[in-house]
């Protein structure tokens, strides 16, 4: 079974919106890590974009066949064109231990 790790980085306090969107497409849960972004001064100077340095990073482990729907849903809910100013990407996962996925998940 192939798995993917979806990583979502959003402005602080937008993680629940991202997780709600992910759950709508089959994500069973995620881990939220509070983080701080860098490079905000450069983005403001170069692009005129004010970026909030306080971030939430959401890690969602899912089966590969659900990845695209989850990514699209999350980006629609909290993407760069929203107040969440989020980015999302996925990484392949070669091994998973300690989790039980139902056959339909």
PDB file of N, CA and C in Angstrom:
ATOM      1  N   UNK A   1       0.853  -1.181   0.000  1.00  0.00           N
ATOM      2  CA  UNK A   1       0.000   0.000   0.000  1.00  0.00           C
ATOM      3  C   UNK A   1       0.897   1.242   0.000  1.00  0.00           C
ATOM      4  N   UNK A   2       0.620   2.157  -0.896  1.00  0.00           N
ATOM      5  CA  UNK A   2       1.403   3.393  -0.975  1.00  0.00           C
ATOM      6  C   UNK A   2       0.765   4.479  -0.127  1.00  0.00           C
ATOM      7  N   UNK A   3       1.613   5.195   0.611  1.00  0.00           N
ATOM      8  CA  UNK A   3       1.166   6.276   1.477  1.00  0.00           C
ATOM      9  C   UNK A   3       1.846   7.576   1.076  1.00  0.00           C
ATOM     10  N   UNK A   4       1.219   8.674   1.449  1.00  0.00           N
ATOM     11  CA  UNK A   4       1.765  10.005   1.213  1.00  0.00           C
ATOM     12  C   UNK A   4       1.639  10.805   2.503  1.00  0.00           C
ATOM     13  N   UNK A   5       2.588  11.693   2.715  1.00  0.00           N
ATOM     14  CA  UNK A   5       2.512  12.651   3.809  1.00  0.00           C
ATOM     15  C   UNK A   5       2.156  13.989   3.189  1.00  0.00           C
ATOM     16  N   UNK A   6       1.015  14.505   3.545  1.00  0.00           N
ATOM     17  CA  UNK A   6       0.614  15.833   3.084  1.00  0.00           C
ATOM     18  C   UNK A   6       1.046  16.826   4.137  1.00  0.00           C
ATOM     19  N   UNK A   7       1.749  17.861   3.698  1.00  0.00           N
ATOM     20  CA  UNK A   7       2.219  18.919   4.580  1.00  0.00           C
ATOM     21  C   UNK A   7       1.489  20.194   4.179  1.00  0.00           C
ATOM     22  N   UNK A   8       0.835  20.818   5.142  1.00  0.00           N
ATOM     23  CA  UNK A   8       0.114  22.058   4.911  1.00  0.00           C
ATOM     24  C   UNK A   8       0.687  23.100   5.860  1.00  0.00           C
ATOM     25  N   UNK A   9       1.064  24.259   5.321  1.00  0.00           N
ATOM     26  CA  UNK A   9       1.584  25.347   6.144  1.00  0.00           C
ATOM     27  C   UNK A   9       0.661  26.534   5.965  1.00  0.00           C
ATOM     28  N   UNK A  10       0.053  26.969   7.076  1.00  0.00           N
ATOM     29  CA  UNK A  10      -0.922  28.063   7.039  1.00  0.00           C
ATOM     30  C   UNK A  10      -0.611  29.075   8.137  1.00  0.00           C
ATOM     31  N   UNK A  11      -1.197  30.257   7.999  1.00  0.00           N
ATOM     32  CA  UNK A  11      -1.105  31.232   9.078  1.00  0.00           C
ATOM     33  C   UNK A  11      -1.687  30.625  10.348  1.00  0.00           C
ATOM     34  N   UNK A  12      -1.178  31.070  11.496  1.00  0.00           N
ATOM     35  CA  UNK A  12      -1.655  30.578  12.781  1.00  0.00           C
ATOM     36  C   UNK A  12      -3.174  30.721  12.857  1.00  0.00           C
ATOM     37  N   UNK A  13      -3.809  29.764  13.488  1.00  0.00           N
ATOM     38  CA  UNK A  13      -5.251  29.740  13.735  1.00  0.00           C
ATOM     39  C   UNK A  13      -6.084  29.339  12.520  1.00  0.00           C
ATOM     40  N   UNK A  14      -5.473  28.852  11.464  1.00  0.00           N
ATOM     41  CA  UNK A  14      -6.210  28.372  10.299  1.00  0.00           C
ATOM     42  C   UNK A  14      -6.112  26.857  10.147  1.00  0.00           C
ATOM     43  N   UNK A  15      -5.489  26.203  11.105  1.00  0.00           N
ATOM     44  CA  UNK A  15      -5.284  24.760  10.987  1.00  0.00           C
ATOM     45  C   UNK A  15      -6.590  23.973  11.054  1.00  0.00           C
ATOM     46  N   UNK A  16      -7.540  24.415  11.847  1.00  0.00           N
ATOM     47  CA  UNK A  16      -8.806  23.685  11.932  1.00  0.00           C
ATOM     48  C   UNK A  16      -9.595  23.780  10.632  1.00  0.00           C
ATOM     49  N   UNK A  17      -9.522  24.925   9.962  1.00  0.00           N
ATOM     50  CA  UNK A  17     -10.176  25.069   8.667  1.00  0.00           C
ATOM     51  C   UNK A  17      -9.546  24.089   7.673  1.00  0.00           C
ATOM     52  N   UNK A  18      -8.217  23.999   7.699  1.00  0.00           N
ATOM     53  CA  UNK A  18      -7.506  23.072   6.817  1.00  0.00           C
ATOM     54  C   UNK A  18      -7.889  21.632   7.128  1.00  0.00           C
ATOM     55  N   UNK A  19      -7.940  21.281   8.414  1.00  0.00           N
ATOM     56  CA  UNK A  19      -8.284  19.907   8.790  1.00  0.00           C
ATOM     57  C   UNK A  19      -9.730  19.574   8.441  1.00  0.00           C
ATOM     58  N   UNK A  20     -10.637  20.527   8.591  1.00  0.00           N
ATOM     59  CA  UNK A  20     -12.035  20.281   8.201  1.00  0.00           C
ATOM     60  C   UNK A  20     -12.113  19.962   6.703  1.00  0.00           C
ATOM     61  N   UNK A  21     -11.382  20.724   5.900  1.00  0.00           N
ATOM     62  CA  UNK A  21     -11.370  20.482   4.450  1.00  0.00           C
ATOM     63  C   UNK A  21     -10.760  19.121   4.132  1.00  0.00           C
ATOM     64  N   UNK A  22      -9.700  18.759   4.840  1.00  0.00           N
ATOM     65  CA  UNK A  22      -9.053  17.460   4.616  1.00  0.00           C
ATOM     66  C   UNK A  22      -9.981  16.315   5.010  1.00  0.00           C
ATOM     67  N   UNK A  23     -10.679  16.462   6.127  1.00  0.00           N
ATOM     68  CA  UNK A  23     -11.597  15.413   6.578  1.00  0.00           C
ATOM     69  C   UNK A  23     -12.742  15.207   5.586  1.00  0.00           C
ATOM     70  N   UNK A  24     -13.192  16.290   4.952  1.00  0.00           N
ATOM     71  CA  UNK A  24     -14.262  16.172   3.958  1.00  0.00           C
ATOM     72  C   UNK A  24     -13.865  15.246   2.810  1.00  0.00           C
ATOM     73  N   UNK A  25     -12.566  15.111   2.570  1.00  0.00           N
ATOM     74  CA  UNK A  25     -12.083  14.263   1.477  1.00  0.00           C
ATOM     75  C   UNK A  25     -11.453  12.971   1.967  1.00  0.00           C
ATOM     76  N   UNK A  26     -11.708  12.616   3.224  1.00  0.00           N
ATOM     77  CA  UNK A  26     -11.298  11.309   3.696  1.00  0.00           C
ATOM     78  C   UNK A  26     -10.117  11.253   4.646  1.00  0.00           C
ATOM     79  N   UNK A  27      -9.501  12.378   4.975  1.00  0.00           N
ATOM     80  CA  UNK A  27      -8.414  12.345   5.962  1.00  0.00           C
ATOM     81  C   UNK A  27      -9.011  11.972   7.317  1.00  0.00           C
ATOM     82  N   UNK A  28      -8.317  11.147   8.043  1.00  0.00           N
ATOM     83  CA  UNK A  28      -8.830  10.692   9.338  1.00  0.00           C
ATOM     84  C   UNK A  28      -8.319  11.535  10.482  1.00  0.00           C
ATOM     85  N   UNK A  29      -7.287  12.312  10.255  1.00  0.00           N
ATOM     86  CA  UNK A  29      -6.714  13.149  11.299  1.00  0.00           C
ATOM     87  C   UNK A  29      -5.392  13.700  10.836  1.00  0.00           C
ATOM     88  N   UNK A  30      -4.757  14.433  11.712  1.00  0.00           N
ATOM     89  CA  UNK A  30      -3.474  15.023  11.372  1.00  0.00           C
ATOM     90  C   UNK A  30      -2.769  15.481  12.636  1.00  0.00           C
ATOM     91  N   UNK A  31      -1.572  15.960  12.476  1.00  0.00           N
ATOM     92  CA  UNK A  31      -0.791  16.497  13.580  1.00  0.00           C
ATOM     93  C   UNK A  31      -0.501  17.958  13.274  1.00  0.00           C
ATOM     94  N   UNK A  32      -0.785  18.825  14.240  1.00  0.00           N
ATOM     95  CA  UNK A  32      -0.557  20.254  14.062  1.00  0.00           C
ATOM     96  C   UNK A  32       0.680  20.651  14.860  1.00  0.00           C
ATOM     97  N   UNK A  33       1.609  21.296  14.175  1.00  0.00           N
ATOM     98  CA  UNK A  33       2.849  21.762  14.790  1.00  0.00           C
ATOM     99  C   UNK A  33       2.873  23.277  14.656  1.00  0.00           C
ATOM    100  N   UNK A  34       3.081  23.966  15.762  1.00  0.00           N
ATOM    101  CA  UNK A  34       3.179  25.421  15.700  1.00  0.00           C
ATOM    102  C   UNK A  34       4.584  25.788  15.238  1.00  0.00           C
ATOM    103  N   UNK A  35       4.657  26.724  14.299  1.00  0.00           N
ATOM    104  CA  UNK A  35       5.936  27.058  13.669  1.00  0.00           C
ATOM    105  C   UNK A  35       6.043  28.559  13.440  1.00  0.00           C
ATOM    106  N   UNK A  36       7.202  28.968  12.994  1.00  0.00           N
ATOM    107  CA  UNK A  36       7.437  30.376  12.675  1.00  0.00           C
ATOM    108  C   UNK A  36       8.110  30.435  11.316  1.00  0.00           C
ATOM    109  N   UNK A  37       7.518  31.204  10.408  1.00  0.00           N
ATOM    110  CA  UNK A  37       8.068  31.333   9.071  1.00  0.00           C
ATOM    111  C   UNK A  37       9.217  32.333   9.023  1.00  0.00           C
ATOM    112  N   UNK A  38      10.060  32.199   8.016  1.00  0.00           N
ATOM    113  CA  UNK A  38      11.150  33.144   7.792  1.00  0.00           C
ATOM    114  C   UNK A  38      11.006  33.723   6.398  1.00  0.00           C
ATOM    115  N   UNK A  39      11.760  34.747   6.101  1.00  0.00           N
ATOM    116  CA  UNK A  39      11.722  35.335   4.772  1.00  0.00           C
ATOM    117  C   UNK A  39      10.580  36.311   4.570  1.00  0.00           C
ATOM    118  N   UNK A  40       9.909  36.686   5.644  1.00  0.00           N
ATOM    119  CA  UNK A  40       8.755  37.572   5.507  1.00  0.00           C
ATOM    120  C   UNK A  40       9.155  38.965   5.032  1.00  0.00           C
ATOM    121  N   UNK A  41      10.305  39.448   5.458  1.00  0.00           N
ATOM    122  CA  UNK A  41      10.771  40.783   5.046  1.00  0.00           C
ATOM    123  C   UNK A  41      11.012  40.815   3.531  1.00  0.00           C
ATOM    124  N   UNK A  42      11.648  39.786   2.997  1.00  0.00           N
ATOM    125  CA  UNK A  42      11.916  39.692   1.563  1.00  0.00           C
ATOM    126  C   UNK A  42      10.618  39.677   0.762  1.00  0.00           C
ATOM    127  N   UNK A  43       9.642  38.876   1.194  1.00  0.00           N
ATOM    128  CA  UNK A  43       8.368  38.796   0.483  1.00  0.00           C
ATOM    129  C   UNK A  43       7.655  40.145   0.485  1.00  0.00           C
ATOM    130  N   UNK A  44       7.731  40.846   1.596  1.00  0.00           N
ATOM    131  CA  UNK A  44       7.080  42.151   1.684  1.00  0.00           C
ATOM    132  C   UNK A  44       7.754  43.149   0.755  1.00  0.00           C
ATOM    133  N   UNK A  45       9.073  43.153   0.734  1.00  0.00           N
ATOM    134  CA  UNK A  45       9.809  44.086  -0.115  1.00  0.00           C
ATOM    135  C   UNK A  45       9.654  43.760  -1.597  1.00  0.00           C
ATOM    136  N   UNK A  46       9.772  42.495  -1.945  1.00  0.00           N
ATOM    137  CA  UNK A  46       9.769  42.095  -3.353  1.00  0.00           C
ATOM    138  C   UNK A  46       8.372  42.050  -3.970  1.00  0.00           C
ATOM    139  N   UNK A  47       7.406  41.526  -3.204  1.00  0.00           N
ATOM    140  CA  UNK A  47       6.079  41.295  -3.760  1.00  0.00           C
ATOM    141  C   UNK A  47       4.976  42.150  -3.131  1.00  0.00           C
ATOM    142  N   UNK A  48       5.315  42.893  -2.102  1.00  0.00           N
ATOM    143  CA  UNK A  48       4.301  43.695  -1.428  1.00  0.00           C
ATOM    144  C   UNK A  48       3.306  42.863  -0.651  1.00  0.00           C
ATOM    145  N   UNK A  49       3.689  41.642  -0.295  1.00  0.00           N
ATOM    146  CA  UNK A  49       2.814  40.735   0.437  1.00  0.00           C
ATOM    147  C   UNK A  49       3.230  40.731   1.902  1.00  0.00           C
ATOM    148  N   UNK A  50       2.292  40.997   2.775  1.00  0.00           N
ATOM    149  CA  UNK A  50       2.581  40.920   4.202  1.00  0.00           C
ATOM    150  C   UNK A  50       2.257  39.510   4.661  1.00  0.00           C
ATOM    151  N   UNK A  51       3.262  38.859   5.198  1.00  0.00           N
ATOM    152  CA  UNK A  51       3.108  37.474   5.630  1.00  0.00           C
ATOM    153  C   UNK A  51       3.232  37.408   7.143  1.00  0.00           C
ATOM    154  N   UNK A  52       2.277  36.754   7.765  1.00  0.00           N
ATOM    155  CA  UNK A  52       2.313  36.550   9.203  1.00  0.00           C
ATOM    156  C   UNK A  52       3.359  35.489   9.515  1.00  0.00           C
ATOM    157  N   UNK A  53       4.332  35.803  10.370  1.00  0.00           N
ATOM    158  CA  UNK A  53       5.378  34.817  10.632  1.00  0.00           C
ATOM    159  C   UNK A  53       4.907  33.610  11.447  1.00  0.00           C
ATOM    160  N   UNK A  54       3.872  33.760  12.277  1.00  0.00           N
ATOM    161  CA  UNK A  54       3.384  32.633  13.062  1.00  0.00           C
ATOM    162  C   UNK A  54       2.590  31.706  12.156  1.00  0.00           C
ATOM    163  N   UNK A  55       2.978  30.452  12.148  1.00  0.00           N
ATOM    164  CA  UNK A  55       2.386  29.463  11.245  1.00  0.00           C
ATOM    165  C   UNK A  55       1.928  28.235  12.009  1.00  0.00           C
ATOM    166  N   UNK A  56       1.047  27.488  11.387  1.00  0.00           N
ATOM    167  CA  UNK A  56       0.710  26.138  11.815  1.00  0.00           C
ATOM    168  C   UNK A  56       1.104  25.218  10.678  1.00  0.00           C
ATOM    169  N   UNK A  57       1.750  24.129  11.009  1.00  0.00           N
ATOM    170  CA  UNK A  57       2.106  23.124  10.015  1.00  0.00           C
ATOM    171  C   UNK A  57       1.289  21.875  10.342  1.00  0.00           C
ATOM    172  N   UNK A  58       0.557  21.404   9.352  1.00  0.00           N
ATOM    173  CA  UNK A  58      -0.298  20.243   9.541  1.00  0.00           C
ATOM    174  C   UNK A  58       0.293  19.077   8.762  1.00  0.00           C
ATOM    175  N   UNK A  59       0.451  17.951   9.429  1.00  0.00           N
ATOM    176  CA  UNK A  59       0.983  16.734   8.817  1.00  0.00           C
ATOM    177  C   UNK A  59      -0.150  15.717   8.748  1.00  0.00           C
ATOM    178  N   UNK A  60      -0.454  15.265   7.540  1.00  0.00           N
ATOM    179  CA  UNK A  60      -1.544  14.315   7.331  1.00  0.00           C
ATOM    180  C   UNK A  60      -0.995  13.108   6.580  1.00  0.00           C
ATOM    181  N   UNK A  61      -1.046  11.951   7.208  1.00  0.00           N
ATOM    182  CA  UNK A  61      -0.639  10.715   6.550  1.00  0.00           C
ATOM    183  C   UNK A  61      -1.879  10.086   5.929  1.00  0.00           C
ATOM    184  N   UNK A  62      -1.799   9.785   4.648  1.00  0.00           N
ATOM    185  CA  UNK A  62      -2.960   9.232   3.955  1.00  0.00           C
ATOM    186  C   UNK A  62      -2.522   8.233   2.897  1.00  0.00           C
ATOM    187  N   UNK A  63      -3.469   7.459   2.444  1.00  0.00           N
ATOM    188  CA  UNK A  63      -3.186   6.581   1.315  1.00  0.00           C
ATOM    189  C   UNK A  63      -3.061   7.433   0.062  1.00  0.00           C
ATOM    190  N   UNK A  64      -2.206   6.990  -0.826  1.00  0.00           N
ATOM    191  CA  UNK A  64      -1.885   7.761  -2.027  1.00  0.00           C
ATOM    192  C   UNK A  64      -3.116   8.082  -2.875  1.00  0.00           C
ATOM    193  N   UNK A  65      -4.074   7.188  -2.919  1.00  0.00           N
ATOM    194  CA  UNK A  65      -5.244   7.409  -3.765  1.00  0.00           C
ATOM    195  C   UNK A  65      -6.151   8.535  -3.257  1.00  0.00           C
ATOM    196  N   UNK A  66      -5.935   9.015  -2.049  1.00  0.00           N
ATOM    197  CA  UNK A  66      -6.726  10.140  -1.508  1.00  0.00           C
ATOM    198  C   UNK A  66      -5.977  11.462  -1.559  1.00  0.00           C
ATOM    199  N   UNK A  67      -4.713  11.416  -1.884  1.00  0.00           N
ATOM    200  CA  UNK A  67      -3.848  12.595  -1.837  1.00  0.00           C
ATOM    201  C   UNK A  67      -4.391  13.782  -2.622  1.00  0.00           C
ATOM    202  N   UNK A  68      -4.697  13.595  -3.890  1.00  0.00           N
ATOM    203  CA  UNK A  68      -5.080  14.723  -4.740  1.00  0.00           C
ATOM    204  C   UNK A  68      -6.349  15.417  -4.250  1.00  0.00           C
ATOM    205  N   UNK A  69      -7.347  14.634  -3.848  1.00  0.00           N
ATOM    206  CA  UNK A  69      -8.591  15.232  -3.359  1.00  0.00           C
ATOM    207  C   UNK A  69      -8.355  16.020  -2.075  1.00  0.00           C
ATOM    208  N   UNK A  70      -7.549  15.477  -1.180  1.00  0.00           N
ATOM    209  CA  UNK A  70      -7.255  16.175   0.070  1.00  0.00           C
ATOM    210  C   UNK A  70      -6.480  17.450  -0.214  1.00  0.00           C
ATOM    211  N   UNK A  71      -5.432  17.355  -1.026  1.00  0.00           N
ATOM    212  CA  UNK A  71      -4.639  18.544  -1.354  1.00  0.00           C
ATOM    213  C   UNK A  71      -5.506  19.641  -1.971  1.00  0.00           C
ATOM    214  N   UNK A  72      -6.331  19.283  -2.926  1.00  0.00           N
ATOM    215  CA  UNK A  72      -7.173  20.278  -3.593  1.00  0.00           C
ATOM    216  C   UNK A  72      -8.168  20.909  -2.632  1.00  0.00           C
ATOM    217  N   UNK A  73      -8.769  20.113  -1.783  1.00  0.00           N
ATOM    218  CA  UNK A  73      -9.738  20.626  -0.828  1.00  0.00           C
ATOM    219  C   UNK A  73      -9.090  21.584   0.172  1.00  0.00           C
ATOM    220  N   UNK A  74      -7.936  21.196   0.673  1.00  0.00           N
ATOM    221  CA  UNK A  74      -7.222  22.035   1.635  1.00  0.00           C
ATOM    222  C   UNK A  74      -6.786  23.340   0.978  1.00  0.00           C
ATOM    223  N   UNK A  75      -6.257  23.239  -0.220  1.00  0.00           N
ATOM    224  CA  UNK A  75      -5.785  24.464  -0.880  1.00  0.00           C
ATOM    225  C   UNK A  75      -6.943  25.407  -1.191  1.00  0.00           C
ATOM    226  N   UNK A  76      -8.075  24.849  -1.549  1.00  0.00           N
ATOM    227  CA  UNK A  76      -9.253  25.681  -1.810  1.00  0.00           C
ATOM    228  C   UNK A  76      -9.686  26.407  -0.531  1.00  0.00           C
ATOM    229  N   UNK A  77      -9.597  25.735   0.600  1.00  0.00           N
ATOM    230  CA  UNK A  77     -10.041  26.304   1.882  1.00  0.00           C
ATOM    231  C   UNK A  77      -9.059  27.298   2.480  1.00  0.00           C
ATOM    232  N   UNK A  78      -7.754  27.038   2.355  1.00  0.00           N
ATOM    233  CA  UNK A  78      -6.762  27.883   3.047  1.00  0.00           C
ATOM    234  C   UNK A  78      -5.567  28.229   2.173  1.00  0.00           C
ATOM    235  N   UNK A  79      -5.738  28.235   0.861  1.00  0.00           N
ATOM    236  CA  UNK A  79      -4.627  28.511  -0.055  1.00  0.00           C
ATOM    237  C   UNK A  79      -4.160  29.958  -0.021  1.00  0.00           C
ATOM    238  N   UNK A  80      -3.216  30.275  -0.877  1.00  0.00           N
ATOM    239  CA  UNK A  80      -2.613  31.607  -0.904  1.00  0.00           C
ATOM    240  C   UNK A  80      -3.613  32.734  -1.135  1.00  0.00           C
ATOM    241  N   UNK A  81      -4.696  32.457  -1.819  1.00  0.00           N
ATOM    242  CA  UNK A  81      -5.681  33.507  -2.087  1.00  0.00           C
ATOM    243  C   UNK A  81      -6.665  33.707  -0.933  1.00  0.00           C
ATOM    244  N   UNK A  82      -6.473  32.994   0.172  1.00  0.00           N
ATOM    245  CA  UNK A  82      -7.337  33.124   1.347  1.00  0.00           C
ATOM    246  C   UNK A  82      -6.571  33.791   2.475  1.00  0.00           C
ATOM    247  N   UNK A  83      -7.267  34.095   3.558  1.00  0.00           N
ATOM    248  CA  UNK A  83      -6.599  34.665   4.733  1.00  0.00           C
ATOM    249  C   UNK A  83      -5.618  33.684   5.369  1.00  0.00           C
ATOM    250  N   UNK A  84      -5.824  32.398   5.131  1.00  0.00           N
ATOM    251  CA  UNK A  84      -4.901  31.392   5.661  1.00  0.00           C
ATOM    252  C   UNK A  84      -3.546  31.419   4.992  1.00  0.00           C
ATOM    253  N   UNK A  85      -3.481  31.956   3.772  1.00  0.00           N
ATOM    254  CA  UNK A  85      -2.244  32.071   2.984  1.00  0.00           C
ATOM    255  C   UNK A  85      -1.414  30.798   3.029  1.00  0.00           C
ATOM    256  N   UNK A  86      -2.072  29.666   2.800  1.00  0.00           N
ATOM    257  CA  UNK A  86      -1.404  28.393   2.950  1.00  0.00           C
ATOM    258  C   UNK A  86      -0.781  27.847   1.687  1.00  0.00           C
ATOM    259  N   UNK A  87       0.170  26.978   1.911  1.00  0.00           N
ATOM    260  CA  UNK A  87       0.740  26.160   0.846  1.00  0.00           C
ATOM    261  C   UNK A  87       0.593  24.702   1.278  1.00  0.00           C
ATOM    262  N   UNK A  88       0.521  23.819   0.316  1.00  0.00           N
ATOM    263  CA  UNK A  88       0.379  22.401   0.623  1.00  0.00           C
ATOM    264  C   UNK A  88       1.174  21.598  -0.398  1.00  0.00           C
ATOM    265  N   UNK A  89       1.777  20.534   0.071  1.00  0.00           N
ATOM    266  CA  UNK A  89       2.519  19.633  -0.814  1.00  0.00           C
ATOM    267  C   UNK A  89       2.523  18.252  -0.194  1.00  0.00           C
ATOM    268  N   UNK A  90       2.941  17.266  -0.967  1.00  0.00           N
ATOM    269  CA  UNK A  90       2.995  15.905  -0.432  1.00  0.00           C
ATOM    270  C   UNK A  90       4.366  15.296  -0.676  1.00  0.00           C
ATOM    271  N   UNK A  91       4.674  14.335   0.146  1.00  0.00           N
ATOM    272  CA  UNK A  91       5.923  13.586   0.059  1.00  0.00           C
ATOM    273  C   UNK A  91       5.603  12.100   0.110  1.00  0.00           C
ATOM    274  N   UNK A  92       6.305  11.289  -0.669  1.00  0.00           N
ATOM    275  CA  UNK A  92       6.064   9.851  -0.596  1.00  0.00           C
ATOM    276  C   UNK A  92       6.567   9.285   0.730  1.00  0.00           C
ATOM    277  N   UNK A  93       5.865   8.272   1.213  1.00  0.00           N
ATOM    278  CA  UNK A  93       6.241   7.601   2.460  1.00  0.00           C
ATOM    279  C   UNK A  93       6.503   6.143   2.115  1.00  0.00           C
ATOM    280  N   UNK A  94       7.700   5.681   2.431  1.00  0.00           N
ATOM    281  CA  UNK A  94       8.057   4.317   2.043  1.00  0.00           C
ATOM    282  C   UNK A  94       7.580   3.268   3.041  1.00  0.00           C
ATOM    283  N   UNK A  95       7.523   3.592   4.315  1.00  0.00           N
ATOM    284  CA  UNK A  95       7.108   2.620   5.322  1.00  0.00           C
ATOM    285  C   UNK A  95       6.227   3.297   6.361  1.00  0.00           C
ATOM    286  N   UNK A  96       5.269   2.540   6.887  1.00  0.00           N
ATOM    287  CA  UNK A  96       4.381   3.025   7.934  1.00  0.00           C
ATOM    288  C   UNK A  96       4.290   1.946   8.999  1.00  0.00           C
ATOM    289  N   UNK A  97       4.440   2.338  10.247  1.00  0.00           N
ATOM    290  CA  UNK A  97       4.300   1.402  11.356  1.00  0.00           C
ATOM    291  C   UNK A  97       3.419   2.045  12.422  1.00  0.00           C
ATOM    292  N   UNK A  98       2.671   1.216  13.118  1.00  0.00           N
ATOM    293  CA  UNK A  98       1.885   1.712  14.240  1.00  0.00           C
ATOM    294  C   UNK A  98       0.522   2.266  13.873  1.00  0.00           C
ATOM    295  N   UNK A  99       0.123   2.141  12.630  1.00  0.00           N
ATOM    296  CA  UNK A  99      -1.194   2.620  12.215  1.00  0.00           C
ATOM    297  C   UNK A  99      -1.979   1.492  11.600  1.00  0.00           C
ATOM    298  N   UNK A 100      -3.278   1.556  11.776  1.00  0.00           N
ATOM    299  CA  UNK A 100      -4.153   0.593  11.124  1.00  0.00           C
ATOM    300  C   UNK A 100      -5.120   1.375  10.257  1.00  0.00           C
ATOM    301  N   UNK A 101      -5.041   1.184   8.964  1.00  0.00           N
ATOM    302  CA  UNK A 101      -5.966   1.793   8.030  1.00  0.00           C
ATOM    303  C   UNK A 101      -6.988   0.742   7.638  1.00  0.00           C
ATOM    304  N   UNK A 102      -8.257   1.110   7.680  1.00  0.00           N
ATOM    305  CA  UNK A 102      -9.296   0.199   7.203  1.00  0.00           C
ATOM    306  C   UNK A 102      -9.111  -0.014   5.715  1.00  0.00           C
ATOM    307  N   UNK A 103      -9.614  -1.080   5.192  1.00  0.00           N
ATOM    308  CA  UNK A 103      -9.408  -1.413   3.784  1.00  0.00           C
ATOM    309  C   UNK A 103     -10.004  -0.359   2.843  1.00  0.00           C
ATOM    310  N   UNK A 104     -11.018   0.384   3.259  1.00  0.00           N
ATOM    311  CA  UNK A 104     -11.619   1.392   2.399  1.00  0.00           C
ATOM    312  C   UNK A 104     -11.026   2.766   2.601  1.00  0.00           C
ATOM    313  N   UNK A 105     -10.067   2.929   3.473  1.00  0.00           N
ATOM    314  CA  UNK A 105      -9.511   4.251   3.762  1.00  0.00           C
ATOM    315  C   UNK A 105      -8.440   4.593   2.797  1.00  0.00           C
TER     316      UNK A 105
END
